[in-house]
């Protein structure tokens, strides 16, 4: 018997619509259903036109937004009054030489400062933030190794490398 409380399942499908602009259709399948389109672009540094946030901007928005949301959601469930939550994140990556492409990206690290305005006992607020961190799907994804499976199609045909 599983102890799963609920599942979270999304799909995302991207289409190139400009020099480096993409339109990504996101569909939430569980625990709610909604479809939204978000555009990404790159700045002039990468050859884009700066018409939308970069993928890294959305990535960090997801991390900070998820943690802030979980603090507020968990505060209600744990009955800890919170007046305000501010999160500041410093994120760093490095670009290293690559044998085939122009570079390969590597994370350096993330530093996250959480500032909670609350009259509650500080130990309870610390417990709340700890619980919110464990409940933040984005932070939990970053905090462990993840298997990412890719498949490749070329002109609509599945590509299978010879081994």
N, C-alpha and C. Protein backbone atom coordinates (compact mmCIF):
# COMPACT_ATOMS: atom_id res chain seq x y z
N UNK A 1 0.84 -1.18 0.00
CA UNK A 1 0.00 0.00 0.00
C UNK A 1 0.89 1.25 0.00
N UNK A 2 0.58 2.17 -0.87
CA UNK A 2 1.37 3.39 -1.02
C UNK A 2 0.94 4.45 -0.03
N UNK A 3 1.88 5.28 0.40
CA UNK A 3 1.53 6.38 1.29
C UNK A 3 1.45 7.71 0.52
N UNK A 4 1.33 7.64 -0.81
CA UNK A 4 1.22 8.83 -1.64
C UNK A 4 -0.08 9.57 -1.35
N UNK A 5 0.04 10.87 -1.04
CA UNK A 5 -1.14 11.70 -0.77
C UNK A 5 -1.79 12.19 -2.05
N UNK A 6 -0.96 12.58 -3.01
CA UNK A 6 -1.45 13.00 -4.32
C UNK A 6 -0.30 12.97 -5.30
N UNK A 7 -0.62 12.95 -6.58
CA UNK A 7 0.38 12.95 -7.64
C UNK A 7 0.42 14.32 -8.29
N UNK A 8 1.58 14.67 -8.81
CA UNK A 8 1.75 15.89 -9.60
C UNK A 8 2.28 15.45 -10.96
N UNK A 9 1.57 15.82 -12.02
CA UNK A 9 1.92 15.37 -13.36
C UNK A 9 1.70 16.52 -14.33
N UNK A 10 2.75 16.92 -15.01
CA UNK A 10 2.68 17.99 -16.01
C UNK A 10 3.28 17.49 -17.32
N UNK A 11 2.87 18.08 -18.42
CA UNK A 11 3.56 17.92 -19.68
C UNK A 11 3.90 19.32 -20.20
N UNK A 12 4.94 19.39 -21.01
CA UNK A 12 5.33 20.66 -21.62
C UNK A 12 5.75 20.38 -23.05
N UNK A 13 5.23 21.18 -23.99
CA UNK A 13 5.56 21.00 -25.40
C UNK A 13 5.97 22.34 -25.97
N UNK A 14 7.19 22.40 -26.51
CA UNK A 14 7.72 23.66 -27.01
C UNK A 14 7.75 23.71 -28.53
N UNK A 15 7.61 24.94 -29.04
CA UNK A 15 7.71 25.19 -30.48
C UNK A 15 8.56 26.43 -30.70
N UNK A 16 9.47 26.38 -31.67
CA UNK A 16 10.30 27.53 -32.03
C UNK A 16 9.44 28.51 -32.83
N UNK A 17 9.44 29.78 -32.42
CA UNK A 17 8.59 30.76 -33.11
C UNK A 17 9.36 32.04 -33.47
N UNK A 18 10.66 32.06 -33.30
CA UNK A 18 11.47 33.23 -33.62
C UNK A 18 12.92 32.82 -33.61
N UNK A 19 13.82 33.83 -33.65
CA UNK A 19 15.26 33.53 -33.65
C UNK A 19 15.60 32.54 -32.54
N UNK A 20 15.34 32.92 -31.31
CA UNK A 20 15.52 32.03 -30.16
C UNK A 20 14.29 32.01 -29.27
N UNK A 21 13.19 32.55 -29.74
CA UNK A 21 11.96 32.57 -28.97
C UNK A 21 11.25 31.22 -29.12
N UNK A 22 10.71 30.77 -28.01
CA UNK A 22 9.96 29.52 -27.96
C UNK A 22 8.62 29.78 -27.31
N UNK A 23 7.62 29.03 -27.70
CA UNK A 23 6.33 29.03 -27.00
C UNK A 23 6.14 27.64 -26.44
N UNK A 24 5.98 27.57 -25.13
CA UNK A 24 5.87 26.30 -24.44
C UNK A 24 4.46 26.17 -23.89
N UNK A 25 3.77 25.15 -24.31
CA UNK A 25 2.43 24.86 -23.80
C UNK A 25 2.57 23.87 -22.66
N UNK A 26 2.16 24.31 -21.48
CA UNK A 26 2.24 23.49 -20.28
C UNK A 26 0.84 22.99 -19.93
N UNK A 27 0.73 21.72 -19.65
CA UNK A 27 -0.55 21.15 -19.25
C UNK A 27 -0.37 20.45 -17.91
N UNK A 28 -1.11 20.91 -16.93
CA UNK A 28 -1.16 20.23 -15.64
C UNK A 28 -2.22 19.14 -15.76
N UNK A 29 -1.85 17.93 -15.42
CA UNK A 29 -2.77 16.80 -15.49
C UNK A 29 -3.23 16.35 -14.12
N UNK A 30 -2.36 16.45 -13.11
CA UNK A 30 -2.69 16.09 -11.74
C UNK A 30 -1.95 17.03 -10.80
N UNK A 31 -2.45 17.44 -9.71
CA UNK A 31 -3.74 17.17 -9.08
C UNK A 31 -4.84 18.11 -9.56
N UNK A 32 -4.55 18.94 -10.55
CA UNK A 32 -5.54 19.83 -11.15
C UNK A 32 -5.28 19.82 -12.64
N UNK A 33 -6.19 20.36 -13.41
CA UNK A 33 -5.98 20.41 -14.86
C UNK A 33 -6.09 21.86 -15.33
N UNK A 34 -5.09 22.25 -16.10
CA UNK A 34 -5.07 23.57 -16.72
C UNK A 34 -4.02 23.53 -17.82
N UNK A 35 -4.23 24.33 -18.86
CA UNK A 35 -3.24 24.47 -19.92
C UNK A 35 -2.91 25.94 -20.05
N UNK A 36 -1.60 26.24 -20.10
CA UNK A 36 -1.12 27.62 -20.25
C UNK A 36 0.03 27.63 -21.24
N UNK A 37 0.22 28.78 -21.87
CA UNK A 37 1.36 28.96 -22.76
C UNK A 37 2.28 30.00 -22.14
N UNK A 38 3.57 29.67 -22.08
CA UNK A 38 4.60 30.61 -21.64
C UNK A 38 5.65 30.71 -22.74
N UNK A 39 6.06 31.93 -23.02
CA UNK A 39 7.10 32.14 -24.03
C UNK A 39 8.45 32.32 -23.33
N UNK A 40 9.50 31.85 -23.99
CA UNK A 40 10.87 32.12 -23.53
C UNK A 40 11.65 32.72 -24.69
N UNK A 41 12.67 33.45 -24.36
CA UNK A 41 13.57 34.01 -25.36
C UNK A 41 14.93 34.14 -24.69
N UNK A 42 15.90 34.51 -25.43
CA UNK A 42 17.22 34.81 -24.89
C UNK A 42 17.52 36.27 -25.16
N UNK A 43 18.42 36.81 -24.37
CA UNK A 43 18.86 38.18 -24.58
C UNK A 43 19.82 38.26 -25.75
N UNK A 44 20.24 39.46 -26.03
CA UNK A 44 21.14 39.72 -27.15
C UNK A 44 22.46 38.94 -27.01
N UNK A 45 22.92 38.70 -25.76
CA UNK A 45 24.16 37.96 -25.51
C UNK A 45 24.16 36.61 -26.22
N UNK A 46 23.01 35.91 -26.23
CA UNK A 46 22.90 34.59 -26.85
C UNK A 46 22.39 34.67 -28.29
N UNK A 47 22.06 35.87 -28.75
CA UNK A 47 21.54 36.01 -30.11
C UNK A 47 20.03 36.10 -30.18
N UNK A 48 19.37 36.23 -29.03
CA UNK A 48 17.91 36.35 -29.01
C UNK A 48 17.49 37.80 -29.14
N UNK A 49 16.18 38.01 -29.00
CA UNK A 49 15.62 39.35 -29.15
C UNK A 49 15.08 39.91 -27.84
N UNK A 50 15.22 39.18 -26.74
CA UNK A 50 14.82 39.65 -25.41
C UNK A 50 13.33 40.01 -25.35
N UNK A 51 12.49 39.15 -25.96
CA UNK A 51 11.05 39.41 -26.00
C UNK A 51 10.28 38.72 -24.88
N UNK A 52 10.97 37.88 -24.12
CA UNK A 52 10.31 37.13 -23.03
C UNK A 52 11.41 36.73 -22.04
N UNK A 53 11.02 36.29 -20.85
CA UNK A 53 12.03 35.81 -19.90
C UNK A 53 12.81 34.62 -20.47
N UNK A 54 14.05 34.48 -20.00
CA UNK A 54 14.86 33.34 -20.41
C UNK A 54 14.40 32.09 -19.65
N UNK A 55 14.76 30.90 -20.14
CA UNK A 55 14.43 29.69 -19.37
C UNK A 55 14.97 29.72 -17.95
N UNK A 56 16.19 30.26 -17.74
CA UNK A 56 16.72 30.34 -16.38
C UNK A 56 15.90 31.27 -15.50
N UNK A 57 15.36 32.35 -16.07
CA UNK A 57 14.49 33.24 -15.28
C UNK A 57 13.24 32.50 -14.83
N UNK A 58 12.64 31.71 -15.73
CA UNK A 58 11.48 30.92 -15.33
C UNK A 58 11.86 29.88 -14.29
N UNK A 59 13.02 29.26 -14.46
CA UNK A 59 13.49 28.26 -13.52
C UNK A 59 13.59 28.84 -12.11
N UNK A 60 14.24 30.00 -11.98
CA UNK A 60 14.38 30.62 -10.67
C UNK A 60 13.06 31.15 -10.13
N UNK A 61 12.19 31.62 -11.02
CA UNK A 61 10.85 32.03 -10.60
C UNK A 61 10.11 30.84 -10.01
N UNK A 62 10.25 29.68 -10.63
CA UNK A 62 9.62 28.47 -10.12
C UNK A 62 10.16 28.08 -8.75
N UNK A 63 11.48 28.16 -8.58
CA UNK A 63 12.08 27.80 -7.30
C UNK A 63 11.63 28.74 -6.19
N UNK A 64 11.78 30.04 -6.40
CA UNK A 64 11.42 31.02 -5.37
C UNK A 64 9.91 31.02 -5.14
N UNK A 65 9.13 30.99 -6.22
CA UNK A 65 7.67 31.01 -6.08
C UNK A 65 7.14 29.78 -5.37
N UNK A 66 7.72 28.62 -5.66
CA UNK A 66 7.29 27.38 -5.02
C UNK A 66 7.53 27.44 -3.51
N UNK A 67 8.72 27.87 -3.12
CA UNK A 67 9.04 27.93 -1.69
C UNK A 67 8.15 28.94 -0.97
N UNK A 68 7.94 30.12 -1.56
CA UNK A 68 7.08 31.13 -0.94
C UNK A 68 5.64 30.62 -0.78
N UNK A 69 5.17 29.94 -1.82
CA UNK A 69 3.80 29.40 -1.77
C UNK A 69 3.68 28.35 -0.68
N UNK A 70 4.66 27.45 -0.60
CA UNK A 70 4.58 26.38 0.40
C UNK A 70 4.65 26.94 1.81
N UNK A 71 5.43 27.99 2.05
CA UNK A 71 5.46 28.59 3.39
C UNK A 71 4.06 29.06 3.75
N UNK A 72 3.37 29.73 2.84
CA UNK A 72 2.03 30.26 3.15
C UNK A 72 1.00 29.13 3.28
N UNK A 73 1.06 28.13 2.39
CA UNK A 73 0.12 27.01 2.47
C UNK A 73 0.33 26.23 3.77
N UNK A 74 1.58 25.93 4.08
CA UNK A 74 1.88 25.15 5.27
C UNK A 74 1.59 25.94 6.55
N UNK A 75 1.74 27.27 6.50
CA UNK A 75 1.46 28.08 7.70
C UNK A 75 0.00 27.93 8.11
N UNK A 76 -0.89 27.88 7.14
CA UNK A 76 -2.33 27.68 7.46
C UNK A 76 -2.55 26.31 8.07
N UNK A 77 -1.95 25.29 7.47
CA UNK A 77 -2.16 23.93 7.96
C UNK A 77 -1.52 23.69 9.32
N UNK A 78 -0.40 24.37 9.58
CA UNK A 78 0.28 24.22 10.88
C UNK A 78 -0.18 25.26 11.90
N UNK A 79 -1.12 26.11 11.48
CA UNK A 79 -1.69 27.15 12.35
C UNK A 79 -0.61 28.06 12.93
N UNK A 80 0.24 28.56 12.03
CA UNK A 80 1.29 29.51 12.39
C UNK A 80 0.99 30.79 11.60
N UNK A 81 0.67 31.87 12.30
CA UNK A 81 0.36 33.12 11.62
C UNK A 81 1.63 33.70 10.97
N UNK A 82 1.51 34.02 9.70
CA UNK A 82 2.61 34.62 8.95
C UNK A 82 2.08 35.91 8.33
N UNK A 83 2.78 37.01 8.59
CA UNK A 83 2.38 38.30 8.03
C UNK A 83 2.96 38.53 6.64
N UNK A 84 4.19 38.04 6.41
CA UNK A 84 4.84 38.26 5.12
C UNK A 84 5.95 37.24 4.95
N UNK A 85 6.27 36.94 3.70
CA UNK A 85 7.37 36.04 3.36
C UNK A 85 8.14 36.68 2.22
N UNK A 86 9.45 36.74 2.38
CA UNK A 86 10.33 37.20 1.31
C UNK A 86 11.40 36.15 1.11
N UNK A 87 11.70 35.86 -0.14
CA UNK A 87 12.74 34.89 -0.47
C UNK A 87 13.69 35.54 -1.46
N UNK A 88 14.98 35.42 -1.17
CA UNK A 88 16.01 35.93 -2.06
C UNK A 88 16.91 34.75 -2.42
N UNK A 89 17.13 34.55 -3.71
CA UNK A 89 17.93 33.42 -4.18
C UNK A 89 19.11 33.92 -5.01
N UNK A 90 20.29 33.41 -4.68
CA UNK A 90 21.47 33.62 -5.50
C UNK A 90 21.75 32.29 -6.19
N UNK A 91 21.78 32.31 -7.51
CA UNK A 91 22.02 31.09 -8.28
C UNK A 91 23.18 31.34 -9.22
N UNK A 92 24.07 30.36 -9.30
CA UNK A 92 25.23 30.51 -10.17
C UNK A 92 25.44 29.25 -10.99
N UNK A 93 25.82 29.48 -12.22
CA UNK A 93 26.23 28.43 -13.13
C UNK A 93 27.54 28.84 -13.78
N UNK A 94 28.22 27.90 -14.37
CA UNK A 94 29.42 28.17 -15.15
C UNK A 94 29.27 27.51 -16.51
N UNK A 95 29.88 28.13 -17.52
CA UNK A 95 29.96 27.53 -18.85
C UNK A 95 31.37 27.00 -19.04
N UNK A 96 31.48 25.73 -19.38
CA UNK A 96 32.78 25.07 -19.57
C UNK A 96 32.91 24.61 -21.02
N UNK A 97 34.14 24.47 -21.50
CA UNK A 97 34.34 23.98 -22.87
C UNK A 97 33.68 22.62 -23.06
N UNK A 98 33.23 22.38 -24.28
CA UNK A 98 32.59 21.13 -24.64
C UNK A 98 33.23 20.63 -25.93
N UNK A 99 33.40 19.34 -26.04
CA UNK A 99 34.03 18.78 -27.23
C UNK A 99 33.23 18.91 -28.50
N UNK A 100 31.91 19.08 -28.40
CA UNK A 100 31.06 19.17 -29.58
C UNK A 100 30.38 20.53 -29.67
N UNK A 101 29.67 20.92 -28.62
CA UNK A 101 28.94 22.19 -28.64
C UNK A 101 29.83 23.34 -28.20
N UNK A 102 29.28 24.55 -28.21
CA UNK A 102 30.07 25.71 -27.82
C UNK A 102 30.46 25.69 -26.33
N UNK A 103 29.64 25.09 -25.48
CA UNK A 103 29.94 24.99 -24.06
C UNK A 103 28.98 24.02 -23.42
N UNK A 104 29.29 23.64 -22.19
CA UNK A 104 28.34 22.87 -21.38
C UNK A 104 28.14 23.61 -20.06
N UNK A 105 26.89 23.71 -19.65
CA UNK A 105 26.55 24.41 -18.42
C UNK A 105 26.68 23.51 -17.22
N UNK A 106 27.19 24.10 -16.12
CA UNK A 106 27.29 23.35 -14.87
C UNK A 106 26.82 24.24 -13.73
N UNK A 107 26.00 23.70 -12.85
CA UNK A 107 25.60 24.49 -11.69
C UNK A 107 26.76 24.66 -10.72
N UNK A 108 26.84 25.84 -10.12
CA UNK A 108 27.80 26.11 -9.05
C UNK A 108 27.10 25.96 -7.71
N UNK A 109 25.87 26.50 -7.62
CA UNK A 109 25.11 26.34 -6.39
C UNK A 109 24.02 27.37 -6.24
N UNK A 110 23.22 27.15 -5.21
CA UNK A 110 22.08 28.00 -4.91
C UNK A 110 22.16 28.40 -3.44
N UNK A 111 21.95 29.65 -3.16
CA UNK A 111 21.83 30.14 -1.79
C UNK A 111 20.46 30.80 -1.68
N UNK A 112 19.68 30.37 -0.71
CA UNK A 112 18.32 30.87 -0.57
C UNK A 112 18.14 31.46 0.82
N UNK A 113 17.78 32.74 0.88
CA UNK A 113 17.47 33.42 2.14
C UNK A 113 15.96 33.54 2.26
N UNK A 114 15.41 33.08 3.36
CA UNK A 114 13.97 33.17 3.62
C UNK A 114 13.78 34.11 4.81
N UNK A 115 12.95 35.12 4.63
CA UNK A 115 12.65 36.09 5.70
C UNK A 115 11.14 36.03 5.97
N UNK A 116 10.77 35.52 7.13
CA UNK A 116 9.37 35.37 7.50
C UNK A 116 9.03 36.40 8.57
N UNK A 117 8.02 37.22 8.31
CA UNK A 117 7.51 38.16 9.32
C UNK A 117 6.37 37.45 10.05
N UNK A 118 6.58 37.21 11.35
CA UNK A 118 5.59 36.47 12.13
C UNK A 118 5.81 36.74 13.61
N UNK A 119 4.71 36.82 14.36
CA UNK A 119 4.79 36.96 15.82
C UNK A 119 4.87 35.60 16.50
N UNK A 120 4.84 34.52 15.71
CA UNK A 120 4.87 33.17 16.27
C UNK A 120 6.24 32.87 16.88
N UNK A 121 6.28 31.82 17.69
CA UNK A 121 7.53 31.37 18.30
C UNK A 121 8.54 31.07 17.19
N UNK A 122 9.78 31.59 17.29
CA UNK A 122 10.78 31.37 16.24
C UNK A 122 11.05 29.89 15.93
N UNK A 123 10.99 29.02 16.93
CA UNK A 123 11.18 27.59 16.67
C UNK A 123 10.09 27.05 15.76
N UNK A 124 8.86 27.51 15.97
CA UNK A 124 7.74 27.07 15.12
C UNK A 124 7.90 27.60 13.69
N UNK A 125 8.38 28.85 13.57
CA UNK A 125 8.61 29.41 12.23
C UNK A 125 9.70 28.63 11.52
N UNK A 126 10.77 28.27 12.24
CA UNK A 126 11.84 27.47 11.64
C UNK A 126 11.31 26.10 11.20
N UNK A 127 10.44 25.48 12.01
CA UNK A 127 9.82 24.20 11.63
C UNK A 127 8.97 24.38 10.38
N UNK A 128 8.24 25.49 10.32
CA UNK A 128 7.40 25.78 9.16
C UNK A 128 8.25 25.87 7.90
N UNK A 129 9.34 26.61 7.94
CA UNK A 129 10.19 26.78 6.75
C UNK A 129 10.82 25.44 6.37
N UNK A 130 11.24 24.67 7.35
CA UNK A 130 11.79 23.35 7.05
C UNK A 130 10.75 22.46 6.37
N UNK A 131 9.54 22.47 6.87
CA UNK A 131 8.46 21.68 6.26
C UNK A 131 8.16 22.18 4.85
N UNK A 132 8.14 23.50 4.67
CA UNK A 132 7.86 24.08 3.34
C UNK A 132 8.95 23.69 2.35
N UNK A 133 10.19 23.66 2.78
CA UNK A 133 11.29 23.24 1.91
C UNK A 133 11.09 21.79 1.47
N UNK A 134 10.68 20.93 2.40
CA UNK A 134 10.44 19.53 2.05
C UNK A 134 9.24 19.39 1.13
N UNK A 135 8.29 20.32 1.22
CA UNK A 135 7.10 20.27 0.38
C UNK A 135 7.25 20.97 -0.96
N UNK A 136 8.32 21.71 -1.15
CA UNK A 136 8.55 22.43 -2.41
C UNK A 136 9.10 21.46 -3.45
N UNK A 137 8.28 21.12 -4.44
CA UNK A 137 8.69 20.15 -5.45
C UNK A 137 9.93 20.60 -6.21
N UNK A 138 10.08 21.89 -6.43
CA UNK A 138 11.24 22.39 -7.18
C UNK A 138 12.51 22.21 -6.36
N UNK A 139 12.51 22.62 -5.09
CA UNK A 139 13.70 22.45 -4.26
C UNK A 139 14.03 20.98 -4.09
N UNK A 140 13.03 20.14 -3.91
CA UNK A 140 13.29 18.72 -3.75
C UNK A 140 13.88 18.12 -5.03
N UNK A 141 13.45 18.60 -6.18
CA UNK A 141 14.02 18.14 -7.45
C UNK A 141 15.49 18.49 -7.53
N UNK A 142 15.83 19.71 -7.12
CA UNK A 142 17.23 20.16 -7.16
C UNK A 142 18.12 19.45 -6.16
N UNK A 143 17.55 19.00 -5.06
CA UNK A 143 18.36 18.48 -3.96
C UNK A 143 18.77 17.02 -4.13
N UNK A 144 18.39 16.41 -5.24
CA UNK A 144 18.76 15.01 -5.44
C UNK A 144 19.11 14.76 -6.90
N UNK A 145 19.81 13.68 -7.15
CA UNK A 145 20.10 13.29 -8.52
C UNK A 145 18.80 12.83 -9.18
N UNK A 146 18.62 13.19 -10.42
CA UNK A 146 17.40 12.84 -11.14
C UNK A 146 17.74 12.16 -12.45
N UNK A 147 16.99 11.14 -12.80
CA UNK A 147 17.14 10.50 -14.10
C UNK A 147 16.35 11.32 -15.12
N UNK A 148 17.01 11.68 -16.20
CA UNK A 148 16.34 12.39 -17.29
C UNK A 148 16.51 11.55 -18.53
N UNK A 149 15.42 11.06 -19.07
CA UNK A 149 15.46 10.22 -20.26
C UNK A 149 15.14 11.06 -21.48
N UNK A 150 15.97 10.96 -22.49
CA UNK A 150 15.75 11.67 -23.74
C UNK A 150 15.49 10.67 -24.86
N UNK A 151 14.69 11.08 -25.81
CA UNK A 151 14.59 10.36 -27.07
C UNK A 151 14.80 11.39 -28.16
N UNK A 152 15.21 10.95 -29.33
CA UNK A 152 15.49 11.86 -30.43
C UNK A 152 14.76 11.40 -31.67
N UNK A 153 14.11 12.33 -32.34
CA UNK A 153 13.50 12.08 -33.64
C UNK A 153 14.16 13.03 -34.62
N UNK A 154 14.50 12.54 -35.77
CA UNK A 154 15.03 13.37 -36.84
C UNK A 154 14.07 13.25 -38.01
N UNK A 155 13.49 14.39 -38.39
CA UNK A 155 12.47 14.43 -39.43
C UNK A 155 11.31 13.49 -39.13
N UNK A 156 10.96 13.41 -37.86
CA UNK A 156 9.82 12.61 -37.43
C UNK A 156 10.11 11.14 -37.22
N UNK A 157 11.34 10.71 -37.48
CA UNK A 157 11.69 9.30 -37.35
C UNK A 157 12.59 9.12 -36.13
N UNK A 158 12.27 8.12 -35.31
CA UNK A 158 13.07 7.86 -34.13
C UNK A 158 14.50 7.54 -34.53
N UNK A 159 15.44 8.19 -33.86
CA UNK A 159 16.86 8.00 -34.10
C UNK A 159 17.39 7.00 -33.09
N UNK A 160 18.06 6.00 -33.58
CA UNK A 160 18.66 5.00 -32.72
C UNK A 160 20.14 4.93 -33.06
N UNK A 161 20.99 5.37 -32.13
CA UNK A 161 22.42 5.31 -32.36
C UNK A 161 22.87 3.86 -32.39
N UNK A 162 23.84 3.58 -33.26
CA UNK A 162 24.42 2.24 -33.26
C UNK A 162 25.31 2.10 -32.05
N UNK A 163 25.28 0.96 -31.43
CA UNK A 163 26.07 0.75 -30.21
C UNK A 163 27.27 -0.09 -30.52
